Amino acid sequence: MKKLINDPENVVTEALRGMELAHGDLIRVHFDPDYIVRADAPVQGKVAIVSGGGSGHEPMHGGFVGHGMLDAACPGAVFTSPTPDQVQAATEAVDGGAGILHIVKNYTGDIANFEMAAELAGDANVRAVVINDDVAVEDSLYTAGRRGVGGTVLAEKICGAAAERGDDLDAVVALCERVNANVRSMGMALTSCTVPHAGEPTFELGEDEMEIGIGIHGEPGRHRVQLEPADQIVERLLTPIVDDLPFSQGDRTLLFVNGMGGTPQIELYIVYRAAATMLADRGITVERSLVGDWITSLEMAGTSITLLKLDDEMIDLWDAPAHTPAWRQGR
């Protein structure tokens, strides 16, 4: 295993210190408990949005803290849920009096710890929306029900813009629920990944094998098959996504092709071309796009595809300015 680290036990702390040094104009980092807040937090009179999860999925979530997206993010240990005291402290640090939305990926530990943190936050008006957009498996090693994956990024951008423009808590929660109801995802892996303190891959793949339907914690997927050309891989991922909602002729969509951490950008655009062509053949319009490493699984090679059915409000909010360590748009 080759990694640019020192002591495996200090990976998250040292990464957070690096973020603090690199982006001190945008964020503040608190240690023990660990959390990241936007530099101007708390913003009085604004709904605060808090998310979090295990580290190893960068830039999510800490890279999305700032104007137009998250008010706070809680980074757990690698692939491990943040603790309730982290979430509680972050929630209280960004409470501007208009309420707080917790955006929570559907993993058992995340849900339990965010729920406990909301109870501990006392007088804070906290609501939660659970993201469960993965069509690959109904239950997995880490979940009851579908996992929350790429749709989380889209929810954080769209709902962050709504909170920034001054929407109240009920409106932001309803919007987040609408995004979650209209987004579907599925991923695949060409390689596994190695958690720093583990020292070995989370699963083994042969040189001519790929894993279909993987999660973002290095867990295996729906099935293992022989490696195929990119167009066939896209068909394997996109067909169940389109059929699940279902997406229909005339729908306007946002197509998000995500890298899992170890896939070159050139390959992601090959995937995007295939997905956009397939959608066009079905009469589904792609009005907005996102391509790149936005929700990763350490150094895993692979991709996920996320498709969101858009409406006019979502488009306006997607296009709204954002300024975070990882997301610079129109400002």
C-alpha atoms as a PDB file:
ATOM      1  CA  MET A   1       0.000   0.000   0.000  1.00  0.00           C
ATOM      2  CA  LYS A   2       1.403   3.402  -1.030  1.00  0.00           C
ATOM      3  CA  LYS A   3      -0.247   6.527   0.357  1.00  0.00           C
ATOM      4  CA  LEU A   4       0.823  10.113   1.034  1.00  0.00           C
ATOM      5  CA  ILE A   5       0.252   9.880   4.774  1.00  0.00           C
ATOM      6  CA  ASN A   6       2.163   9.852   8.052  1.00  0.00           C
ATOM      7  CA  ASP A   7       0.553   7.950  10.934  1.00  0.00           C
ATOM      8  CA  PRO A   8      -2.668   6.318   9.684  1.00  0.00           C
ATOM      9  CA  GLU A   9      -4.378   7.343  12.917  1.00  0.00           C
ATOM     10  CA  ASN A  10      -3.801  11.038  12.149  1.00  0.00           C
ATOM     11  CA  VAL A  11      -5.049  11.100   8.549  1.00  0.00           C
ATOM     12  CA  VAL A  12      -8.305  12.979   9.175  1.00  0.00           C
ATOM     13  CA  THR A  13      -6.790  15.497  11.622  1.00  0.00           C
ATOM     14  CA  GLU A  14      -3.895  16.333   9.320  1.00  0.00           C
ATOM     15  CA  ALA A  15      -6.213  16.643   6.318  1.00  0.00           C
ATOM     16  CA  LEU A  16      -8.463  19.028   8.257  1.00  0.00           C
ATOM     17  CA  ARG A  17      -5.456  21.150   9.228  1.00  0.00           C
ATOM     18  CA  GLY A  18      -4.516  21.268   5.551  1.00  0.00           C
ATOM     19  CA  MET A  19      -8.009  22.443   4.630  1.00  0.00           C
ATOM     20  CA  GLU A  20      -7.851  25.097   7.344  1.00  0.00           C
ATOM     21  CA  LEU A  21      -4.552  26.421   6.012  1.00  0.00           C
ATOM     22  CA  ALA A  22      -5.642  26.308   2.363  1.00  0.00           C
ATOM     23  CA  HIS A  23      -9.130  27.784   2.731  1.00  0.00           C
ATOM     24  CA  GLY A  24      -9.111  29.949   5.852  1.00  0.00           C
ATOM     25  CA  ASP A  25     -10.949  32.696   3.969  1.00  0.00           C
ATOM     26  CA  LEU A  26     -13.930  30.382   3.391  1.00  0.00           C
ATOM     27  CA  ILE A  27     -14.099  28.018   6.370  1.00  0.00           C
ATOM     28  CA  ARG A  28     -13.236  27.584  10.027  1.00  0.00           C
ATOM     29  CA  VAL A  29     -12.176  24.178  11.336  1.00  0.00           C
ATOM     30  CA  HIS A  30     -12.874  23.111  14.903  1.00  0.00           C
ATOM     31  CA  PHE A  31     -11.056  20.193  16.503  1.00  0.00           C
ATOM     32  CA  ASP A  32     -12.145  17.842  19.301  1.00  0.00           C
ATOM     33  CA  PRO A  33     -14.871  17.480  18.249  1.00  0.00           C
ATOM     34  CA  ASP A  34     -14.045  17.868  14.566  1.00  0.00           C
ATOM     35  CA  TYR A  35     -16.289  19.944  12.355  1.00  0.00           C
ATOM     36  CA  ILE A  36     -16.048  22.561   9.590  1.00  0.00           C
ATOM     37  CA  VAL A  37     -18.204  25.701   9.370  1.00  0.00           C
ATOM     38  CA  ARG A  38     -18.409  28.515   6.849  1.00  0.00           C
ATOM     39  CA  ALA A  39     -16.239  31.476   7.819  1.00  0.00           C
ATOM     40  CA  ASP A  40     -19.210  33.774   8.487  1.00  0.00           C
ATOM     41  CA  ALA A  41     -21.201  31.265  10.564  1.00  0.00           C
ATOM     42  CA  PRO A  42     -23.686  31.591  12.095  1.00  0.00           C
ATOM     43  CA  VAL A  43     -25.616  33.584   9.489  1.00  0.00           C
ATOM     44  CA  GLN A  44     -28.476  35.205  11.368  1.00  0.00           C
ATOM     45  CA  GLY A  45     -31.959  34.645   9.953  1.00  0.00           C
ATOM     46  CA  LYS A  46     -30.803  31.969   7.492  1.00  0.00           C
ATOM     47  CA  VAL A  47     -31.699  28.280   7.515  1.00  0.00           C
ATOM     48  CA  ALA A  48     -28.466  26.412   8.274  1.00  0.00           C
ATOM     49  CA  ILE A  49     -27.664  23.211   6.398  1.00  0.00           C
ATOM     50  CA  VAL A  50     -25.485  20.591   8.072  1.00  0.00           C
ATOM     51  CA  SER A  51     -24.269  17.327   6.588  1.00  0.00           C
ATOM     52  CA  GLY A  52     -21.485  14.874   7.223  1.00  0.00           C
ATOM     53  CA  GLY A  53     -20.268  11.324   7.089  1.00  0.00           C
ATOM     54  CA  GLY A  54     -17.113   9.306   7.072  1.00  0.00           C
ATOM     55  CA  SER A  55     -13.988  10.826   5.599  1.00  0.00           C
ATOM     56  CA  GLY A  56     -12.592   9.345   2.399  1.00  0.00           C
ATOM     57  CA  HIS A  57     -15.326  10.745   0.116  1.00  0.00           C
ATOM     58  CA  GLU A  58     -13.676  14.095  -0.578  1.00  0.00           C
ATOM     59  CA  PRO A  59     -14.570  16.713  -1.580  1.00  0.00           C
ATOM     60  CA  MET A  60     -17.844  15.695   0.071  1.00  0.00           C
ATOM     61  CA  HIS A  61     -18.734  17.031   2.601  1.00  0.00           C
ATOM     62  CA  GLY A  62     -16.154  19.510   3.867  1.00  0.00           C
ATOM     63  CA  GLY A  63     -15.360  20.796   0.404  1.00  0.00           C
ATOM     64  CA  PHE A  64     -18.958  21.963   0.070  1.00  0.00           C
ATOM     65  CA  VAL A  65     -19.015  24.239   3.136  1.00  0.00           C
ATOM     66  CA  GLY A  66     -19.475  27.893   2.220  1.00  0.00           C
ATOM     67  CA  HIS A  67     -21.736  30.418   0.530  1.00  0.00           C
ATOM     68  CA  GLY A  68     -24.558  28.735  -1.383  1.00  0.00           C
ATOM     69  CA  MET A  69     -24.058  25.225  -0.027  1.00  0.00           C
ATOM     70  CA  LEU A  70     -23.435  23.837   3.464  1.00  0.00           C
ATOM     71  CA  ASP A  71     -23.112  25.814   6.666  1.00  0.00           C
ATOM     72  CA  ALA A  72     -21.290  22.936   8.391  1.00  0.00           C
ATOM     73  CA  ALA A  73     -19.873  19.491   7.748  1.00  0.00           C
ATOM     74  CA  CYS A  74     -18.928  16.788  10.242  1.00  0.00           C
ATOM     75  CA  PRO A  75     -16.084  14.503   9.105  1.00  0.00           C
ATOM     76  CA  GLY A  76     -15.944  11.121  10.807  1.00  0.00           C
ATOM     77  CA  ALA A  77     -13.004   8.763  10.692  1.00  0.00           C
ATOM     78  CA  VAL A  78     -12.444   7.173   7.275  1.00  0.00           C
ATOM     79  CA  PHE A  79     -15.672   5.421   6.213  1.00  0.00           C
ATOM     80  CA  THR A  80     -17.080   5.919   9.744  1.00  0.00           C
ATOM     81  CA  SER A  81     -20.050   8.038  10.787  1.00  0.00           C
ATOM     82  CA  PRO A  82     -19.363  11.266  12.682  1.00  0.00           C
ATOM     83  CA  THR A  83     -20.197  11.017  16.370  1.00  0.00           C
ATOM     84  CA  PRO A  84     -23.259  12.676  17.933  1.00  0.00           C
ATOM     85  CA  ASP A  85     -21.116  15.234  19.775  1.00  0.00           C
ATOM     86  CA  GLN A  86     -19.564  16.340  16.468  1.00  0.00           C
ATOM     87  CA  VAL A  87     -22.950  16.823  14.845  1.00  0.00           C
ATOM     88  CA  GLN A  88     -24.388  18.540  17.905  1.00  0.00           C
ATOM     89  CA  ALA A  89     -21.491  20.992  18.133  1.00  0.00           C
ATOM     90  CA  ALA A  90     -21.637  21.775  14.419  1.00  0.00           C
ATOM     91  CA  THR A  91     -25.407  22.259  14.564  1.00  0.00           C
ATOM     92  CA  GLU A  92     -25.164  24.685  17.466  1.00  0.00           C
ATOM     93  CA  ALA A  93     -22.267  26.566  15.845  1.00  0.00           C
ATOM     94  CA  VAL A  94     -24.299  27.448  12.731  1.00  0.00           C
ATOM     95  CA  ASP A  95     -27.717  28.047  14.300  1.00  0.00           C
ATOM     96  CA  GLY A  96     -28.798  31.467  13.068  1.00  0.00           C
ATOM     97  CA  GLY A  97     -32.285  31.263  14.509  1.00  0.00           C
ATOM     98  CA  ALA A  98     -34.140  30.139  11.382  1.00  0.00           C
ATOM     99  CA  GLY A  99     -33.766  26.386  11.928  1.00  0.00           C
ATOM    100  CA  ILE A 100     -31.343  23.717  10.766  1.00  0.00           C
ATOM    101  CA  LEU A 101     -31.648  21.055   8.083  1.00  0.00           C
ATOM    102  CA  HIS A 102     -29.596  17.888   8.485  1.00  0.00           C
ATOM    103  CA  ILE A 103     -28.959  16.208   5.115  1.00  0.00           C
ATOM    104  CA  VAL A 104     -28.177  12.594   6.017  1.00  0.00           C
ATOM    105  CA  LYS A 105     -27.107   9.757   3.741  1.00  0.00           C
ATOM    106  CA  ASN A 106     -28.994   6.531   4.405  1.00  0.00           C
ATOM    107  CA  TYR A 107     -26.441   4.603   6.426  1.00  0.00           C
ATOM    108  CA  THR A 108     -27.390   3.129   9.778  1.00  0.00           C
ATOM    109  CA  GLY A 109     -24.656   4.867  11.762  1.00  0.00           C
ATOM    110  CA  ASP A 110     -25.228   8.252  10.144  1.00  0.00           C
ATOM    111  CA  ILE A 111     -28.963   8.169  10.829  1.00  0.00           C
ATOM    112  CA  ALA A 112     -28.585   7.104  14.465  1.00  0.00           C
ATOM    113  CA  ASN A 113     -25.901   9.677  15.243  1.00  0.00           C
ATOM    114  CA  PHE A 114     -27.647  12.584  13.500  1.00  0.00           C
ATOM    115  CA  GLU A 115     -30.900  11.720  15.294  1.00  0.00           C
ATOM    116  CA  MET A 116     -29.122  11.669  18.658  1.00  0.00           C
ATOM    117  CA  ALA A 117     -27.378  14.957  17.880  1.00  0.00           C
ATOM    118  CA  ALA A 118     -30.704  16.611  17.031  1.00  0.00           C
ATOM    119  CA  GLU A 119     -32.069  15.542  20.408  1.00  0.00           C
ATOM    120  CA  LEU A 120     -28.970  16.846  22.183  1.00  0.00           C
ATOM    121  CA  ALA A 121     -29.160  20.195  20.388  1.00  0.00           C
ATOM    122  CA  GLY A 122     -31.915  21.219  22.769  1.00  0.00           C
ATOM    123  CA  ASP A 123     -33.739  24.360  21.669  1.00  0.00           C
ATOM    124  CA  ALA A 124     -32.449  24.238  18.097  1.00  0.00           C
ATOM    125  CA  ASN A 125     -35.175  23.651  15.496  1.00  0.00           C
ATOM    126  CA  VAL A 126     -33.686  20.702  13.625  1.00  0.00           C
ATOM    127  CA  ARG A 127     -35.245  18.785  10.735  1.00  0.00           C
ATOM    128  CA  ALA A 128     -33.672  15.963   8.754  1.00  0.00           C
ATOM    129  CA  VAL A 129     -33.973  14.530   5.249  1.00  0.00           C
ATOM    130  CA  VAL A 130     -32.464  11.116   4.492  1.00  0.00           C
ATOM    131  CA  ILE A 131     -31.000  10.656   1.000  1.00  0.00           C
ATOM    132  CA  ASN A 132     -31.536   7.168  -0.461  1.00  0.00           C
ATOM    133  CA  ASP A 133     -30.956   7.393  -4.207  1.00  0.00           C
ATOM    134  CA  ASP A 134     -28.922   4.222  -4.926  1.00  0.00           C
ATOM    135  CA  VAL A 135     -30.888   1.743  -7.065  1.00  0.00           C
ATOM    136  CA  ALA A 136     -28.235  -0.978  -6.860  1.00  0.00           C
ATOM    137  CA  VAL A 137     -29.276  -2.777  -3.682  1.00  0.00           C
ATOM    138  CA  GLU A 138     -32.224  -2.500  -1.292  1.00  0.00           C
ATOM    139  CA  ASP A 139     -30.203  -3.424   1.812  1.00  0.00           C
ATOM    140  CA  SER A 140     -26.437  -3.561   2.247  1.00  0.00           C
ATOM    141  CA  LEU A 141     -23.752  -4.030   4.852  1.00  0.00           C
ATOM    142  CA  TYR A 142     -24.274  -0.470   6.120  1.00  0.00           C
ATOM    143  CA  THR A 143     -27.968   0.242   5.488  1.00  0.00           C
ATOM    144  CA  ALA A 144     -31.590  -0.626   5.952  1.00  0.00           C
ATOM    145  CA  GLY A 145     -33.017   0.339   2.580  1.00  0.00           C
ATOM    146  CA  ARG A 146     -31.237   2.084  -0.257  1.00  0.00           C
ATOM    147  CA  ARG A 147     -27.936   3.856   0.255  1.00  0.00           C
ATOM    148  CA  GLY A 148     -27.438   7.573  -0.092  1.00  0.00           C
ATOM    149  CA  VAL A 149     -24.823   8.328  -2.750  1.00  0.00           C
ATOM    150  CA  GLY A 150     -24.438  10.877  -5.579  1.00  0.00           C
ATOM    151  CA  GLY A 151     -27.828  12.469  -5.047  1.00  0.00           C
ATOM    152  CA  THR A 152     -26.439  13.940  -1.824  1.00  0.00           C
ATOM    153  CA  VAL A 153     -24.182  16.306  -3.782  1.00  0.00           C
ATOM    154  CA  LEU A 154     -27.102  17.600  -5.829  1.00  0.00           C
ATOM    155  CA  ALA A 155     -29.287  18.050  -2.743  1.00  0.00           C
ATOM    156  CA  GLU A 156     -26.566  20.024  -0.972  1.00  0.00           C
ATOM    157  CA  LYS A 157     -26.146  22.380  -3.926  1.00  0.00           C
ATOM    158  CA  ILE A 158     -29.837  22.949  -4.648  1.00  0.00           C
ATOM    159  CA  CYS A 159     -30.973  23.210  -1.029  1.00  0.00           C
ATOM    160  CA  GLY A 160     -27.958  25.316  -0.117  1.00  0.00           C
ATOM    161  CA  ALA A 161     -28.976  27.824  -2.772  1.00  0.00           C
ATOM    162  CA  ALA A 162     -32.551  27.892  -1.458  1.00  0.00           C
ATOM    163  CA  ALA A 163     -31.366  28.572   2.075  1.00  0.00           C
ATOM    164  CA  GLU A 164     -28.992  31.266   0.800  1.00  0.00           C
ATOM    165  CA  ARG A 165     -31.816  33.132  -0.956  1.00  0.00           C
ATOM    166  CA  GLY A 166     -33.822  33.186   2.283  1.00  0.00           C
ATOM    167  CA  ASP A 167     -36.310  30.308   2.033  1.00  0.00           C
ATOM    168  CA  ASP A 168     -37.737  29.226   5.390  1.00  0.00           C
ATOM    169  CA  LEU A 169     -37.118  25.826   6.986  1.00  0.00           C
ATOM    170  CA  ASP A 170     -40.346  24.221   5.767  1.00  0.00           C
ATOM    171  CA  ALA A 171     -39.575  25.243   2.177  1.00  0.00           C
ATOM    172  CA  VAL A 172     -35.970  24.009   2.288  1.00  0.00           C
ATOM    173  CA  VAL A 173     -37.017  20.673   3.804  1.00  0.00           C
ATOM    174  CA  ALA A 174     -39.750  20.218   1.186  1.00  0.00           C
ATOM    175  CA  LEU A 175     -37.280  21.008  -1.581  1.00  0.00           C
ATOM    176  CA  CYS A 176     -34.757  18.490  -0.237  1.00  0.00           C
ATOM    177  CA  GLU A 177     -37.460  15.830  -0.105  1.00  0.00           C
ATOM    178  CA  ARG A 178     -38.409  16.681  -3.703  1.00  0.00           C
ATOM    179  CA  VAL A 179     -34.821  16.352  -4.882  1.00  0.00           C
ATOM    180  CA  ASN A 180     -34.486  12.995  -3.130  1.00  0.00           C
ATOM    181  CA  ALA A 181     -37.748  11.727  -4.642  1.00  0.00           C
ATOM    182  CA  ASN A 182     -36.552  12.586  -8.165  1.00  0.00           C
ATOM    183  CA  VAL A 183     -32.930  11.409  -8.146  1.00  0.00           C
ATOM    184  CA  ARG A 184     -31.480   7.962  -8.783  1.00  0.00           C
ATOM    185  CA  SER A 185     -27.882   6.654  -8.837  1.00  0.00           C
ATOM    186  CA  MET A 186     -25.793   3.556  -9.457  1.00  0.00           C
ATOM    187  CA  GLY A 187     -22.041   2.926  -9.395  1.00  0.00           C
ATOM    188  CA  MET A 188     -19.372   0.440 -10.416  1.00  0.00           C
ATOM    189  CA  ALA A 189     -15.740  -0.292  -9.586  1.00  0.00           C
ATOM    190  CA  LEU A 190     -12.705  -1.411 -11.559  1.00  0.00           C
ATOM    191  CA  THR A 191     -10.629  -1.671  -8.377  1.00  0.00           C
ATOM    192  CA  SER A 192     -11.216  -1.689  -4.661  1.00  0.00           C
ATOM    193  CA  CYS A 193      -9.768   0.869  -2.239  1.00  0.00           C
ATOM    194  CA  THR A 194      -7.594   0.661   0.861  1.00  0.00           C
ATOM    195  CA  VAL A 195      -8.556   2.299   4.150  1.00  0.00           C
ATOM    196  CA  PRO A 196      -5.346   3.833   5.595  1.00  0.00           C
ATOM    197  CA  HIS A 197      -5.351   1.970   8.902  1.00  0.00           C
ATOM    198  CA  ALA A 198      -6.433  -1.349   7.308  1.00  0.00           C
ATOM    199  CA  GLY A 199      -3.497  -1.791   4.939  1.00  0.00           C
ATOM    200  CA  GLU A 200      -5.332  -4.046   2.488  1.00  0.00           C
ATOM    201  CA  PRO A 201      -8.124  -3.628  -0.088  1.00  0.00           C
ATOM    202  CA  THR A 202     -11.714  -3.851   1.103  1.00  0.00           C
ATOM    203  CA  PHE A 203     -12.416  -6.467  -1.584  1.00  0.00           C
ATOM    204  CA  GLU A 204     -10.469  -8.225  -4.351  1.00  0.00           C
ATOM    205  CA  LEU A 205     -11.070  -7.911  -8.093  1.00  0.00           C
ATOM    206  CA  GLY A 206      -9.317  -9.826 -10.828  1.00  0.00           C
ATOM    207  CA  GLU A 207      -7.617  -7.981 -13.682  1.00  0.00           C
ATOM    208  CA  ASP A 208     -10.536  -8.813 -15.992  1.00  0.00           C
ATOM    209  CA  GLU A 209     -13.343  -8.224 -13.468  1.00  0.00           C
ATOM    210  CA  MET A 210     -15.546  -5.307 -12.423  1.00  0.00           C
ATOM    211  CA  GLU A 211     -18.018  -4.839  -9.578  1.00  0.00           C
ATOM    212  CA  ILE A 212     -21.474  -3.493 -10.460  1.00  0.00           C
ATOM    213  CA  GLY A 213     -23.558  -1.635  -7.883  1.00  0.00           C
ATOM    214  CA  ILE A 214     -20.852  -0.731  -5.381  1.00  0.00           C
ATOM    215  CA  GLY A 215     -21.307   1.607  -2.420  1.00  0.00           C
ATOM    216  CA  ILE A 216     -19.054   4.490  -1.425  1.00  0.00           C
ATOM    217  CA  HIS A 217     -17.436   2.685   1.524  1.00  0.00           C
ATOM    218  CA  GLY A 218     -15.618   0.113  -0.566  1.00  0.00           C
ATOM    219  CA  GLU A 219     -18.388  -2.426  -0.043  1.00  0.00           C
ATOM    220  CA  PRO A 220     -18.992  -4.910  -2.879  1.00  0.00           C
ATOM    221  CA  GLY A 221     -21.940  -4.394  -5.175  1.00  0.00           C
ATOM    222  CA  ARG A 222     -24.812  -6.218  -6.798  1.00  0.00           C
ATOM    223  CA  HIS A 223     -22.687  -8.616  -8.824  1.00  0.00           C
ATOM    224  CA  ARG A 224     -19.244  -9.182 -10.289  1.00  0.00           C
ATOM    225  CA  VAL A 225     -18.840  -9.599 -14.053  1.00  0.00           C
ATOM    226  CA  GLN A 226     -16.192  -9.640 -16.728  1.00  0.00           C
ATOM    227  CA  LEU A 227     -14.818  -6.267 -17.785  1.00  0.00           C
ATOM    228  CA  GLU A 228     -16.764  -4.701 -20.666  1.00  0.00           C
ATOM    229  CA  PRO A 229     -16.386  -1.680 -22.965  1.00  0.00           C
ATOM    230  CA  ALA A 230     -17.499   1.652 -21.512  1.00  0.00           C
ATOM    231  CA  ASP A 231     -20.756   1.830 -23.496  1.00  0.00           C
ATOM    232  CA  GLN A 232     -21.913  -1.530 -22.120  1.00  0.00           C
ATOM    233  CA  ILE A 233     -20.978  -0.504 -18.576  1.00  0.00           C
ATOM    234  CA  VAL A 234     -23.030   2.676 -18.940  1.00  0.00           C
ATOM    235  CA  GLU A 235     -25.996   0.656 -20.174  1.00  0.00           C
ATOM    236  CA  ARG A 236     -25.717  -1.582 -17.083  1.00  0.00           C
ATOM    237  CA  LEU A 237     -25.810   1.451 -14.799  1.00  0.00           C
ATOM    238  CA  LEU A 238     -28.185   3.778 -16.609  1.00  0.00           C
ATOM    239  CA  THR A 239     -30.949   1.305 -17.512  1.00  0.00           C
ATOM    240  CA  PRO A 240     -31.943   0.518 -13.898  1.00  0.00           C
ATOM    241  CA  ILE A 241     -31.681   4.222 -13.022  1.00  0.00           C
ATOM    242  CA  VAL A 242     -34.046   5.265 -15.806  1.00  0.00           C
ATOM    243  CA  ASP A 243     -36.448   2.393 -15.195  1.00  0.00           C
ATOM    244  CA  ASP A 244     -36.657   2.905 -11.438  1.00  0.00           C
ATOM    245  CA  LEU A 245     -38.226   6.376 -11.159  1.00  0.00           C
ATOM    246  CA  PRO A 246     -39.091   5.965 -14.021  1.00  0.00           C
ATOM    247  CA  PHE A 247     -37.649   8.703 -16.223  1.00  0.00           C
ATOM    248  CA  SER A 248     -39.773   9.243 -19.323  1.00  0.00           C
ATOM    249  CA  GLN A 249     -39.654  10.866 -22.732  1.00  0.00           C
ATOM    250  CA  GLY A 250     -39.787  14.641 -22.339  1.00  0.00           C
ATOM    251  CA  ASP A 251     -38.242  14.736 -18.863  1.00  0.00           C
ATOM    252  CA  ARG A 252     -35.631  17.418 -18.224  1.00  0.00           C
ATOM    253  CA  THR A 253     -32.668  16.105 -16.266  1.00  0.00           C
ATOM    254  CA  LEU A 254     -29.319  16.814 -14.678  1.00  0.00           C
ATOM    255  CA  LEU A 255     -26.781  14.130 -15.614  1.00  0.00           C
ATOM    256  CA  PHE A 256     -24.013  13.651 -13.050  1.00  0.00           C
ATOM    257  CA  VAL A 257     -21.072  11.378 -13.923  1.00  0.00           C
ATOM    258  CA  ASN A 258     -18.919  10.934 -10.847  1.00  0.00           C
ATOM    259  CA  GLY A 259     -15.420   9.537 -10.439  1.00  0.00           C
ATOM    260  CA  MET A 260     -14.790   7.279  -7.449  1.00  0.00           C
ATOM    261  CA  GLY A 261     -11.336   8.755  -6.810  1.00  0.00           C
ATOM    262  CA  GLY A 262      -9.006   6.883  -9.153  1.00  0.00           C
ATOM    263  CA  THR A 263     -10.559   7.335 -12.603  1.00  0.00           C
ATOM    264  CA  PRO A 264      -9.020   9.764 -15.116  1.00  0.00           C
ATOM    265  CA  GLN A 265     -11.209  12.618 -16.319  1.00  0.00           C
ATOM    266  CA  ILE A 266     -10.877  11.435 -19.915  1.00  0.00           C
ATOM    267  CA  GLU A 267     -12.653   8.199 -18.998  1.00  0.00           C
ATOM    268  CA  LEU A 268     -15.421  10.047 -17.166  1.00  0.00           C
ATOM    269  CA  TYR A 269     -16.178  12.032 -20.318  1.00  0.00           C
ATOM    270  CA  ILE A 270     -16.367   8.787 -22.310  1.00  0.00           C
ATOM    271  CA  VAL A 271     -18.957   7.615 -19.767  1.00  0.00           C
ATOM    272  CA  TYR A 272     -20.794  10.940 -19.993  1.00  0.00           C
ATOM    273  CA  ARG A 273     -20.943  10.738 -23.811  1.00  0.00           C
ATOM    274  CA  ALA A 274     -22.449   7.264 -23.648  1.00  0.00           C
ATOM    275  CA  ALA A 275     -24.981   8.218 -20.965  1.00  0.00           C
ATOM    276  CA  ALA A 276     -26.072  11.427 -22.707  1.00  0.00           C
ATOM    277  CA  THR A 277     -26.487   9.558 -25.997  1.00  0.00           C
ATOM    278  CA  MET A 278     -28.585   6.840 -24.369  1.00  0.00           C
ATOM    279  CA  LEU A 279     -30.827   9.434 -22.728  1.00  0.00           C
ATOM    280  CA  ALA A 280     -31.259  11.326 -26.000  1.00  0.00           C
ATOM    281  CA  ASP A 281     -32.282   8.101 -27.711  1.00  0.00           C
ATOM    282  CA  ARG A 282     -35.035   7.743 -25.080  1.00  0.00           C
ATOM    283  CA  GLY A 283     -36.205  11.335 -25.587  1.00  0.00           C
ATOM    284  CA  ILE A 284     -34.902  12.442 -22.178  1.00  0.00           C
ATOM    285  CA  THR A 285     -33.352  15.914 -22.221  1.00  0.00           C
ATOM    286  CA  VAL A 286     -30.125  16.667 -20.361  1.00  0.00           C
ATOM    287  CA  GLU A 287     -30.346  20.348 -19.357  1.00  0.00           C
ATOM    288  CA  ARG A 288     -27.566  20.447 -16.766  1.00  0.00           C
ATOM    289  CA  SER A 289     -24.438  18.364 -16.207  1.00  0.00           C
ATOM    290  CA  LEU A 290     -21.756  17.596 -13.637  1.00  0.00           C
ATOM    291  CA  VAL A 291     -18.630  15.535 -14.362  1.00  0.00           C
ATOM    292  CA  GLY A 292     -15.757  14.827 -12.009  1.00  0.00           C
ATOM    293  CA  ASP A 293     -14.705  13.477  -8.615  1.00  0.00           C
ATOM    294  CA  TRP A 294     -17.383  14.830  -6.256  1.00  0.00           C
ATOM    295  CA  ILE A 295     -18.220  11.874  -3.988  1.00  0.00           C
ATOM    296  CA  THR A 296     -15.344   9.433  -3.903  1.00  0.00           C
ATOM    297  CA  SER A 297     -14.243   6.222  -2.227  1.00  0.00           C
ATOM    298  CA  LEU A 298     -10.568   6.980  -1.526  1.00  0.00           C
ATOM    299  CA  GLU A 299      -8.559   5.788  -4.543  1.00  0.00           C
ATOM    300  CA  MET A 300     -11.161   3.420  -6.011  1.00  0.00           C
ATOM    301  CA  ALA A 301     -11.206   3.330  -9.813  1.00  0.00           C
ATOM    302  CA  GLY A 302     -14.748   3.416 -11.122  1.00  0.00           C
ATOM    303  CA  THR A 303     -17.707   5.665 -11.746  1.00  0.00           C
ATOM    304  CA  SER A 304     -21.246   6.340 -10.659  1.00  0.00           C
ATOM    305  CA  ILE A 305     -24.080   7.857 -12.652  1.00  0.00           C
ATOM    306  CA  THR A 306     -26.740  10.032 -11.037  1.00  0.00           C
ATOM    307  CA  LEU A 307     -29.812  11.352 -12.829  1.00  0.00           C
ATOM    308  CA  LEU A 308     -32.095  14.049 -11.385  1.00  0.00           C
ATOM    309  CA  LYS A 309     -35.467  14.971 -12.879  1.00  0.00           C
ATOM    310  CA  LEU A 310     -35.461  18.774 -12.961  1.00  0.00           C
ATOM    311  CA  ASP A 311     -38.101  21.465 -12.649  1.00  0.00           C
ATOM    312  CA  ASP A 312     -37.735  25.218 -13.184  1.00  0.00           C
ATOM    313  CA  GLU A 313     -36.990  25.955  -9.542  1.00  0.00           C
ATOM    314  CA  MET A 314     -34.283  23.293  -9.326  1.00  0.00           C
ATOM    315  CA  ILE A 315     -32.623  24.676 -12.452  1.00  0.00           C
ATOM    316  CA  ASP A 316     -32.571  28.212 -11.033  1.00  0.00           C
ATOM    317  CA  LEU A 317     -31.101  26.986  -7.751  1.00  0.00           C
ATOM    318  CA  TRP A 318     -28.531  24.792  -9.499  1.00  0.00           C
ATOM    319  CA  ASP A 319     -27.366  27.858 -11.442  1.00  0.00           C
ATOM    320  CA  ALA A 320     -27.181  30.059  -8.320  1.00  0.00           C
ATOM    321  CA  PRO A 321     -23.761  31.251  -7.051  1.00  0.00           C
ATOM    322  CA  ALA A 322     -21.707  29.096  -4.689  1.00  0.00           C
ATOM    323  CA  HIS A 323     -18.284  29.669  -3.173  1.00  0.00           C
ATOM    324  CA  THR A 324     -16.748  26.792  -1.221  1.00  0.00           C
ATOM    325  CA  PRO A 325     -13.340  25.081  -1.188  1.00  0.00           C
ATOM    326  CA  ALA A 326     -14.454  22.672  -3.929  1.00  0.00           C
ATOM    327  CA  TRP A 327     -17.262  24.548  -5.689  1.00  0.00           C
ATOM    328  CA  ARG A 328     -16.777  27.990  -7.284  1.00  0.00           C
ATOM    329  CA  GLN A 329     -19.732  29.172  -9.308  1.00  0.00           C
ATOM    330  CA  GLY A 330     -20.816  32.631 -10.415  1.00  0.00           C
ATOM    331  CA  ARG A 331     -19.409  34.669  -7.550  1.00  0.00           C
END
